[in-house]
């Protein structure tokens, strides 16, 4: 991350989570140092600047909530959605980009979402679109397996943190099922008890290994699904390049049919 080496610059280091980033936005804004004299960076994803002052930000859910509430009340839910989805991306410079976007948004108003000619808006729009597209892919391509405890279990490995965006879809489609959807890249899981609300929580690998004993009929259904997938294919029309356009290799890792 390129930061100008100026004695007056203060860089706020935050966690790579929406709450961590919004907390840093709150602290940087409330510092009174001036927007041009502050910057945001993710913990572990920044280059040291010789004359900059670094401030470690502790995630504060109250501060994060106040930022979210202010954006939605004073601007719009669309502005907040752009900032929130951008915060889920895997871009190492997203924290500062979100801060610049919000500074401009409070100057220009709710119509900022359509001002794509502005660099600050272009950056956030691109991150928002990238995260939304990946979340859409995993809604389509996530596969669940039945565990012995009458529990459905699925794994994904997304580039962005799309679990908070995909979990509501499955909670709506499988409201009376108990299921776990694991982001194995971040060791983060969405847990949904039957007929109750879903929650996000960090998990350990050994905890999941203790759970993952497949139901006796699971292998049979897996074999039937693979057979169905193979049977409906028309060999003469096989087009791997076209297949990769509609279903990139990145998403096939945890798909049963592959």
C-alpha atoms as a PDB file:
ATOM      1  CA  UNK A   1       0.000   0.000   0.000  1.00  0.00           C
ATOM      2  CA  UNK A   2       1.576   3.269  -1.096  1.00  0.00           C
ATOM      3  CA  UNK A   3       1.433   5.932   1.616  1.00  0.00           C
ATOM      4  CA  UNK A   4       3.049   9.363   1.332  1.00  0.00           C
ATOM      5  CA  UNK A   5       5.882   9.902   3.829  1.00  0.00           C
ATOM      6  CA  UNK A   6       4.659  13.023   5.604  1.00  0.00           C
ATOM      7  CA  UNK A   7       5.277  13.793   9.287  1.00  0.00           C
ATOM      8  CA  UNK A   8       1.622  14.602   9.820  1.00  0.00           C
ATOM      9  CA  UNK A   9       0.178  11.361   8.501  1.00  0.00           C
ATOM     10  CA  UNK A  10      -1.449   8.909  10.891  1.00  0.00           C
ATOM     11  CA  UNK A  11      -2.221   5.391   9.684  1.00  0.00           C
ATOM     12  CA  UNK A  12      -4.927   3.412  11.479  1.00  0.00           C
ATOM     13  CA  UNK A  13      -4.354  -0.359  11.446  1.00  0.00           C
ATOM     14  CA  UNK A  14      -7.522  -2.435  11.694  1.00  0.00           C
ATOM     15  CA  UNK A  15      -8.782  -6.015  11.517  1.00  0.00           C
ATOM     16  CA  UNK A  16      -9.799  -7.431   8.153  1.00  0.00           C
ATOM     17  CA  UNK A  17     -13.505  -7.506   9.019  1.00  0.00           C
ATOM     18  CA  UNK A  18     -16.387  -5.113   8.294  1.00  0.00           C
ATOM     19  CA  UNK A  19     -16.572  -4.189  11.991  1.00  0.00           C
ATOM     20  CA  UNK A  20     -12.821  -3.666  12.172  1.00  0.00           C
ATOM     21  CA  UNK A  21     -12.822  -1.383   9.126  1.00  0.00           C
ATOM     22  CA  UNK A  22     -15.844   0.642  10.278  1.00  0.00           C
ATOM     23  CA  UNK A  23     -14.227   1.057  13.705  1.00  0.00           C
ATOM     24  CA  UNK A  24     -11.121   2.465  12.004  1.00  0.00           C
ATOM     25  CA  UNK A  25     -13.334   4.787   9.944  1.00  0.00           C
ATOM     26  CA  UNK A  26     -14.869   6.071  13.175  1.00  0.00           C
ATOM     27  CA  UNK A  27     -11.509   6.598  14.908  1.00  0.00           C
ATOM     28  CA  UNK A  28      -9.871   8.273  11.908  1.00  0.00           C
ATOM     29  CA  UNK A  29     -12.866  10.568  11.377  1.00  0.00           C
ATOM     30  CA  UNK A  30     -13.136  11.470  15.053  1.00  0.00           C
ATOM     31  CA  UNK A  31      -9.409  12.190  15.381  1.00  0.00           C
ATOM     32  CA  UNK A  32      -9.819  15.689  13.954  1.00  0.00           C
ATOM     33  CA  UNK A  33      -6.489  15.391  12.141  1.00  0.00           C
ATOM     34  CA  UNK A  34      -8.039  16.074   8.740  1.00  0.00           C
ATOM     35  CA  UNK A  35      -8.962  13.511   6.111  1.00  0.00           C
ATOM     36  CA  UNK A  36      -5.827  14.241   4.082  1.00  0.00           C
ATOM     37  CA  UNK A  37      -3.640  13.453   7.095  1.00  0.00           C
ATOM     38  CA  UNK A  38      -5.053  10.028   7.940  1.00  0.00           C
ATOM     39  CA  UNK A  39      -5.107   6.679   6.188  1.00  0.00           C
ATOM     40  CA  UNK A  40      -6.453   3.205   6.919  1.00  0.00           C
ATOM     41  CA  UNK A  41      -4.640  -0.099   6.439  1.00  0.00           C
ATOM     42  CA  UNK A  42      -5.296  -3.723   7.313  1.00  0.00           C
ATOM     43  CA  UNK A  43      -3.177  -5.436   9.939  1.00  0.00           C
ATOM     44  CA  UNK A  44      -0.321  -7.186   8.159  1.00  0.00           C
ATOM     45  CA  UNK A  45      -1.104  -5.671   4.722  1.00  0.00           C
ATOM     46  CA  UNK A  46       0.803  -2.405   4.716  1.00  0.00           C
ATOM     47  CA  UNK A  47       4.249  -1.031   3.895  1.00  0.00           C
ATOM     48  CA  UNK A  48       5.978   0.909   6.638  1.00  0.00           C
ATOM     49  CA  UNK A  49       6.340   4.641   6.006  1.00  0.00           C
ATOM     50  CA  UNK A  50       9.329   6.334   7.607  1.00  0.00           C
ATOM     51  CA  UNK A  51       7.592   9.423   8.995  1.00  0.00           C
ATOM     52  CA  UNK A  52       4.078   8.080   9.557  1.00  0.00           C
ATOM     53  CA  UNK A  53       2.531   7.428  12.948  1.00  0.00           C
ATOM     54  CA  UNK A  54       0.758   4.087  13.344  1.00  0.00           C
ATOM     55  CA  UNK A  55      -2.291   3.583  15.534  1.00  0.00           C
ATOM     56  CA  UNK A  56      -3.600   0.094  16.262  1.00  0.00           C
ATOM     57  CA  UNK A  57      -7.402  -0.027  16.195  1.00  0.00           C
ATOM     58  CA  UNK A  58      -9.283  -2.422  18.480  1.00  0.00           C
ATOM     59  CA  UNK A  59     -12.545  -3.546  16.903  1.00  0.00           C
ATOM     60  CA  UNK A  60     -15.440  -1.881  18.706  1.00  0.00           C
ATOM     61  CA  UNK A  61     -18.903  -3.058  17.693  1.00  0.00           C
ATOM     62  CA  UNK A  62     -20.573   0.059  19.091  1.00  0.00           C
ATOM     63  CA  UNK A  63     -18.397   2.328  16.946  1.00  0.00           C
ATOM     64  CA  UNK A  64     -18.977   0.113  13.919  1.00  0.00           C
ATOM     65  CA  UNK A  65     -22.726   0.240  14.503  1.00  0.00           C
ATOM     66  CA  UNK A  66     -22.667   4.034  14.778  1.00  0.00           C
ATOM     67  CA  UNK A  67     -20.860   4.347  11.449  1.00  0.00           C
ATOM     68  CA  UNK A  68     -23.305   1.962   9.775  1.00  0.00           C
ATOM     69  CA  UNK A  69     -26.295   3.768  11.258  1.00  0.00           C
ATOM     70  CA  UNK A  70     -25.004   7.203  10.191  1.00  0.00           C
ATOM     71  CA  UNK A  71     -24.395   6.059   6.616  1.00  0.00           C
ATOM     72  CA  UNK A  72     -27.862   4.515   6.309  1.00  0.00           C
ATOM     73  CA  UNK A  73     -29.720   7.405   7.953  1.00  0.00           C
ATOM     74  CA  UNK A  74     -27.849  10.365   6.471  1.00  0.00           C
ATOM     75  CA  UNK A  75     -27.089   8.861   3.068  1.00  0.00           C
ATOM     76  CA  UNK A  76     -28.851   5.671   1.985  1.00  0.00           C
ATOM     77  CA  UNK A  77     -28.891   1.913   2.335  1.00  0.00           C
ATOM     78  CA  UNK A  78     -27.369   1.688  -1.162  1.00  0.00           C
ATOM     79  CA  UNK A  79     -24.300   3.658  -0.050  1.00  0.00           C
ATOM     80  CA  UNK A  80     -23.930   1.419   2.998  1.00  0.00           C
ATOM     81  CA  UNK A  81     -24.348  -1.733   0.889  1.00  0.00           C
ATOM     82  CA  UNK A  82     -21.531  -0.625  -1.425  1.00  0.00           C
ATOM     83  CA  UNK A  83     -19.219   0.073   1.494  1.00  0.00           C
ATOM     84  CA  UNK A  84     -20.185  -3.120   3.346  1.00  0.00           C
ATOM     85  CA  UNK A  85     -19.683  -5.438   0.377  1.00  0.00           C
ATOM     86  CA  UNK A  86     -16.391  -3.738  -0.451  1.00  0.00           C
ATOM     87  CA  UNK A  87     -15.273  -4.509   3.123  1.00  0.00           C
ATOM     88  CA  UNK A  88     -15.785  -8.232   2.399  1.00  0.00           C
ATOM     89  CA  UNK A  89     -13.409  -8.221  -0.581  1.00  0.00           C
ATOM     90  CA  UNK A  90      -9.866  -9.583  -0.557  1.00  0.00           C
ATOM     91  CA  UNK A  91      -8.323  -6.301  -1.731  1.00  0.00           C
ATOM     92  CA  UNK A  92      -5.525  -5.307   0.701  1.00  0.00           C
ATOM     93  CA  UNK A  93      -6.226  -1.586   0.155  1.00  0.00           C
ATOM     94  CA  UNK A  94      -9.975  -1.742   0.723  1.00  0.00           C
ATOM     95  CA  UNK A  95      -9.960  -0.087   4.167  1.00  0.00           C
ATOM     96  CA  UNK A  96      -8.539   3.215   2.920  1.00  0.00           C
ATOM     97  CA  UNK A  97     -10.668   3.021  -0.238  1.00  0.00           C
ATOM     98  CA  UNK A  98     -13.829   2.724   1.890  1.00  0.00           C
ATOM     99  CA  UNK A  99     -12.761   5.689   4.018  1.00  0.00           C
ATOM    100  CA  UNK A 100     -12.178   7.894   0.930  1.00  0.00           C
ATOM    101  CA  UNK A 101     -15.507   6.795  -0.500  1.00  0.00           C
ATOM    102  CA  UNK A 102     -17.419   7.657   2.679  1.00  0.00           C
ATOM    103  CA  UNK A 103     -15.703  11.049   3.006  1.00  0.00           C
ATOM    104  CA  UNK A 104     -16.825  11.868  -0.525  1.00  0.00           C
ATOM    105  CA  UNK A 105     -20.282  10.392   0.049  1.00  0.00           C
ATOM    106  CA  UNK A 106     -20.992  12.699   2.969  1.00  0.00           C
ATOM    107  CA  UNK A 107     -19.996  15.641   0.766  1.00  0.00           C
ATOM    108  CA  UNK A 108     -21.972  14.647  -2.332  1.00  0.00           C
ATOM    109  CA  UNK A 109     -24.979  12.889  -0.792  1.00  0.00           C
ATOM    110  CA  UNK A 110     -26.883   9.687  -1.674  1.00  0.00           C
ATOM    111  CA  UNK A 111     -26.387  10.160  -5.425  1.00  0.00           C
ATOM    112  CA  UNK A 112     -22.730   9.261  -4.951  1.00  0.00           C
ATOM    113  CA  UNK A 113     -23.531   5.659  -5.963  1.00  0.00           C
ATOM    114  CA  UNK A 114     -24.163   6.783  -9.553  1.00  0.00           C
ATOM    115  CA  UNK A 115     -21.092   9.042  -9.845  1.00  0.00           C
ATOM    116  CA  UNK A 116     -18.915   6.362 -11.431  1.00  0.00           C
ATOM    117  CA  UNK A 117     -16.671   8.949 -13.045  1.00  0.00           C
ATOM    118  CA  UNK A 118     -15.074   9.623  -9.654  1.00  0.00           C
ATOM    119  CA  UNK A 119     -12.053   7.410  -8.847  1.00  0.00           C
ATOM    120  CA  UNK A 120     -13.179   6.832  -5.237  1.00  0.00           C
ATOM    121  CA  UNK A 121     -16.549   5.572  -6.457  1.00  0.00           C
ATOM    122  CA  UNK A 122     -15.054   3.489  -9.273  1.00  0.00           C
ATOM    123  CA  UNK A 123     -12.866   1.615  -6.788  1.00  0.00           C
ATOM    124  CA  UNK A 124     -15.706   0.780  -4.397  1.00  0.00           C
ATOM    125  CA  UNK A 125     -18.081  -0.096  -7.241  1.00  0.00           C
ATOM    126  CA  UNK A 126     -15.522  -2.561  -8.656  1.00  0.00           C
ATOM    127  CA  UNK A 127     -15.015  -4.204  -5.232  1.00  0.00           C
ATOM    128  CA  UNK A 128     -18.785  -4.327  -4.646  1.00  0.00           C
ATOM    129  CA  UNK A 129     -19.392  -5.970  -8.008  1.00  0.00           C
ATOM    130  CA  UNK A 130     -16.579  -8.494  -7.568  1.00  0.00           C
ATOM    131  CA  UNK A 131     -17.856  -9.605  -4.149  1.00  0.00           C
ATOM    132  CA  UNK A 132     -21.482  -9.745  -5.335  1.00  0.00           C
ATOM    133  CA  UNK A 133     -20.551 -11.881  -8.343  1.00  0.00           C
ATOM    134  CA  UNK A 134     -18.577 -14.323  -6.224  1.00  0.00           C
ATOM    135  CA  UNK A 135     -21.403 -14.588  -3.688  1.00  0.00           C
ATOM    136  CA  UNK A 136     -23.800 -15.344  -6.559  1.00  0.00           C
ATOM    137  CA  UNK A 137     -21.505 -18.131  -7.798  1.00  0.00           C
ATOM    138  CA  UNK A 138     -21.386 -19.800  -4.385  1.00  0.00           C
ATOM    139  CA  UNK A 139     -25.161 -19.605  -3.997  1.00  0.00           C
ATOM    140  CA  UNK A 140     -25.360 -21.676  -7.182  1.00  0.00           C
ATOM    141  CA  UNK A 141     -22.423 -24.027  -6.709  1.00  0.00           C
ATOM    142  CA  UNK A 142     -22.428 -24.864  -2.972  1.00  0.00           C
ATOM    143  CA  UNK A 143     -23.106 -28.535  -2.251  1.00  0.00           C
ATOM    144  CA  UNK A 144     -24.274 -29.948   1.090  1.00  0.00           C
ATOM    145  CA  UNK A 145     -23.690 -33.459   2.405  1.00  0.00           C
ATOM    146  CA  UNK A 146     -25.658 -35.311   5.074  1.00  0.00           C
ATOM    147  CA  UNK A 147     -23.836 -36.085   8.315  1.00  0.00           C
ATOM    148  CA  UNK A 148     -24.744 -38.816  10.758  1.00  0.00           C
ATOM    149  CA  UNK A 149     -26.179 -36.304  13.240  1.00  0.00           C
ATOM    150  CA  UNK A 150     -29.002 -35.316  10.826  1.00  0.00           C
ATOM    151  CA  UNK A 151     -26.919 -32.281   9.929  1.00  0.00           C
ATOM    152  CA  UNK A 152     -26.162 -30.838   6.499  1.00  0.00           C
ATOM    153  CA  UNK A 153     -22.571 -29.796   5.921  1.00  0.00           C
ATOM    154  CA  UNK A 154     -21.101 -27.741   3.080  1.00  0.00           C
ATOM    155  CA  UNK A 155     -17.664 -26.262   2.332  1.00  0.00           C
ATOM    156  CA  UNK A 156     -16.636 -23.283   0.251  1.00  0.00           C
ATOM    157  CA  UNK A 157     -13.264 -21.656  -0.387  1.00  0.00           C
ATOM    158  CA  UNK A 158     -14.032 -18.134  -1.677  1.00  0.00           C
ATOM    159  CA  UNK A 159     -11.510 -15.431  -2.484  1.00  0.00           C
ATOM    160  CA  UNK A 160     -13.679 -12.816  -0.743  1.00  0.00           C
ATOM    161  CA  UNK A 161     -15.499 -13.220   2.568  1.00  0.00           C
ATOM    162  CA  UNK A 162     -18.857 -14.031   0.963  1.00  0.00           C
ATOM    163  CA  UNK A 163     -20.174 -16.256   3.764  1.00  0.00           C
ATOM    164  CA  UNK A 164     -22.310 -13.426   5.293  1.00  0.00           C
ATOM    165  CA  UNK A 165     -23.920 -12.962   1.866  1.00  0.00           C
ATOM    166  CA  UNK A 166     -24.561 -16.618   1.014  1.00  0.00           C
ATOM    167  CA  UNK A 167     -25.787 -17.837   4.416  1.00  0.00           C
ATOM    168  CA  UNK A 168     -29.080 -15.849   4.279  1.00  0.00           C
ATOM    169  CA  UNK A 169     -29.957 -17.574   0.995  1.00  0.00           C
ATOM    170  CA  UNK A 170     -29.639 -21.054   2.486  1.00  0.00           C
ATOM    171  CA  UNK A 171     -31.394 -19.990   5.686  1.00  0.00           C
ATOM    172  CA  UNK A 172     -34.344 -18.975   3.494  1.00  0.00           C
ATOM    173  CA  UNK A 173     -34.239 -22.121   1.354  1.00  0.00           C
ATOM    174  CA  UNK A 174     -33.553 -24.600   4.181  1.00  0.00           C
ATOM    175  CA  UNK A 175     -35.319 -23.049   7.186  1.00  0.00           C
ATOM    176  CA  UNK A 176     -36.215 -26.346   8.879  1.00  0.00           C
ATOM    177  CA  UNK A 177     -32.826 -28.003   8.388  1.00  0.00           C
ATOM    178  CA  UNK A 178     -29.807 -27.853  10.656  1.00  0.00           C
ATOM    179  CA  UNK A 179     -26.754 -27.052   8.569  1.00  0.00           C
ATOM    180  CA  UNK A 180     -23.172 -25.790   8.700  1.00  0.00           C
ATOM    181  CA  UNK A 181     -21.533 -23.900   5.869  1.00  0.00           C
ATOM    182  CA  UNK A 182     -17.769 -23.602   6.291  1.00  0.00           C
ATOM    183  CA  UNK A 183     -15.422 -21.087   4.714  1.00  0.00           C
ATOM    184  CA  UNK A 184     -12.337 -23.300   4.914  1.00  0.00           C
ATOM    185  CA  UNK A 185     -10.012 -20.486   3.830  1.00  0.00           C
ATOM    186  CA  UNK A 186     -10.915 -18.330   6.864  1.00  0.00           C
ATOM    187  CA  UNK A 187     -11.978 -21.057   9.346  1.00  0.00           C
ATOM    188  CA  UNK A 188     -15.318 -19.295   9.613  1.00  0.00           C
ATOM    189  CA  UNK A 189     -18.669 -21.094   9.677  1.00  0.00           C
ATOM    190  CA  UNK A 190     -22.326 -20.184   9.356  1.00  0.00           C
ATOM    191  CA  UNK A 191     -24.344 -22.311  11.785  1.00  0.00           C
ATOM    192  CA  UNK A 192     -28.082 -22.731  11.293  1.00  0.00           C
ATOM    193  CA  UNK A 193     -30.116 -24.715  13.851  1.00  0.00           C
ATOM    194  CA  UNK A 194     -33.446 -25.910  12.450  1.00  0.00           C
ATOM    195  CA  UNK A 195     -36.152 -23.215  12.537  1.00  0.00           C
ATOM    196  CA  UNK A 196     -33.829 -20.701  14.194  1.00  0.00           C
ATOM    197  CA  UNK A 197     -31.594 -17.830  13.090  1.00  0.00           C
ATOM    198  CA  UNK A 198     -28.146 -18.512  11.658  1.00  0.00           C
ATOM    199  CA  UNK A 199     -24.941 -17.213  13.265  1.00  0.00           C
ATOM    200  CA  UNK A 200     -21.325 -16.734  12.169  1.00  0.00           C
ATOM    201  CA  UNK A 201     -18.536 -18.094  14.340  1.00  0.00           C
ATOM    202  CA  UNK A 202     -14.858 -19.084  14.012  1.00  0.00           C
ATOM    203  CA  UNK A 203     -14.159 -22.809  14.080  1.00  0.00           C
ATOM    204  CA  UNK A 204     -11.141 -25.060  14.479  1.00  0.00           C
ATOM    205  CA  UNK A 205     -10.249 -27.847  12.062  1.00  0.00           C
ATOM    206  CA  UNK A 206     -10.312 -30.537  14.754  1.00  0.00           C
ATOM    207  CA  UNK A 207     -13.806 -29.445  15.826  1.00  0.00           C
ATOM    208  CA  UNK A 208     -15.129 -30.053  12.316  1.00  0.00           C
ATOM    209  CA  UNK A 209     -13.293 -33.358  11.913  1.00  0.00           C
ATOM    210  CA  UNK A 210     -15.097 -34.605  15.022  1.00  0.00           C
ATOM    211  CA  UNK A 211     -18.426 -33.756  13.371  1.00  0.00           C
ATOM    212  CA  UNK A 212     -17.796 -34.946   9.841  1.00  0.00           C
ATOM    213  CA  UNK A 213     -19.041 -38.518   9.903  1.00  0.00           C
ATOM    214  CA  UNK A 214     -21.217 -38.943   6.848  1.00  0.00           C
ATOM    215  CA  UNK A 215     -24.602 -40.599   6.941  1.00  0.00           C
ATOM    216  CA  UNK A 216     -24.709 -44.236   5.820  1.00  0.00           C
ATOM    217  CA  UNK A 217     -26.643 -43.354   2.652  1.00  0.00           C
ATOM    218  CA  UNK A 218     -24.491 -40.328   1.747  1.00  0.00           C
ATOM    219  CA  UNK A 219     -22.000 -42.249  -0.425  1.00  0.00           C
ATOM    220  CA  UNK A 220     -24.872 -43.808  -2.368  1.00  0.00           C
ATOM    221  CA  UNK A 221     -26.436 -40.433  -3.113  1.00  0.00           C
ATOM    222  CA  UNK A 222     -23.042 -38.998  -4.073  1.00  0.00           C
ATOM    223  CA  UNK A 223     -22.549 -41.836  -6.547  1.00  0.00           C
ATOM    224  CA  UNK A 224     -26.040 -41.335  -7.991  1.00  0.00           C
ATOM    225  CA  UNK A 225     -25.442 -37.600  -8.413  1.00  0.00           C
ATOM    226  CA  UNK A 226     -22.117 -38.184 -10.191  1.00  0.00           C
ATOM    227  CA  UNK A 227     -23.756 -40.781 -12.438  1.00  0.00           C
ATOM    228  CA  UNK A 228     -26.582 -38.376 -13.280  1.00  0.00           C
ATOM    229  CA  UNK A 229     -24.086 -35.606 -14.038  1.00  0.00           C
ATOM    230  CA  UNK A 230     -22.128 -37.927 -16.331  1.00  0.00           C
ATOM    231  CA  UNK A 231     -25.198 -39.428 -18.037  1.00  0.00           C
ATOM    232  CA  UNK A 232     -26.817 -36.153 -19.103  1.00  0.00           C
ATOM    233  CA  UNK A 233     -23.590 -34.931 -20.722  1.00  0.00           C
ATOM    234  CA  UNK A 234     -23.439 -35.115 -24.528  1.00  0.00           C
ATOM    235  CA  UNK A 235     -19.929 -36.276 -25.354  1.00  0.00           C
ATOM    236  CA  UNK A 236     -19.982 -34.861 -28.884  1.00  0.00           C
ATOM    237  CA  UNK A 237     -20.757 -31.397 -27.539  1.00  0.00           C
ATOM    238  CA  UNK A 238     -18.126 -31.333 -24.823  1.00  0.00           C
ATOM    239  CA  UNK A 239     -16.520 -27.882 -24.753  1.00  0.00           C
ATOM    240  CA  UNK A 240     -14.126 -27.451 -21.783  1.00  0.00           C
ATOM    241  CA  UNK A 241     -13.394 -23.806 -22.588  1.00  0.00           C
ATOM    242  CA  UNK A 242     -17.092 -22.924 -22.589  1.00  0.00           C
ATOM    243  CA  UNK A 243     -17.589 -24.906 -19.370  1.00  0.00           C
ATOM    244  CA  UNK A 244     -14.858 -22.915 -17.638  1.00  0.00           C
ATOM    245  CA  UNK A 245     -16.544 -19.674 -18.708  1.00  0.00           C
ATOM    246  CA  UNK A 246     -19.757 -20.658 -16.927  1.00  0.00           C
ATOM    247  CA  UNK A 247     -18.141 -22.678 -14.119  1.00  0.00           C
ATOM    248  CA  UNK A 248     -14.527 -21.620 -13.412  1.00  0.00           C
ATOM    249  CA  UNK A 249     -12.173 -24.224 -11.977  1.00  0.00           C
ATOM    250  CA  UNK A 250     -11.889 -22.240  -8.733  1.00  0.00           C
ATOM    251  CA  UNK A 251     -15.491 -23.132  -7.806  1.00  0.00           C
ATOM    252  CA  UNK A 252     -15.252 -26.866  -8.553  1.00  0.00           C
ATOM    253  CA  UNK A 253     -13.043 -27.805  -5.602  1.00  0.00           C
ATOM    254  CA  UNK A 254     -15.904 -28.760  -3.264  1.00  0.00           C
ATOM    255  CA  UNK A 255     -18.560 -29.661  -5.831  1.00  0.00           C
ATOM    256  CA  UNK A 256     -19.691 -33.272  -5.508  1.00  0.00           C
ATOM    257  CA  UNK A 257     -19.943 -33.908  -9.262  1.00  0.00           C
ATOM    258  CA  UNK A 258     -16.285 -33.027  -9.767  1.00  0.00           C
END
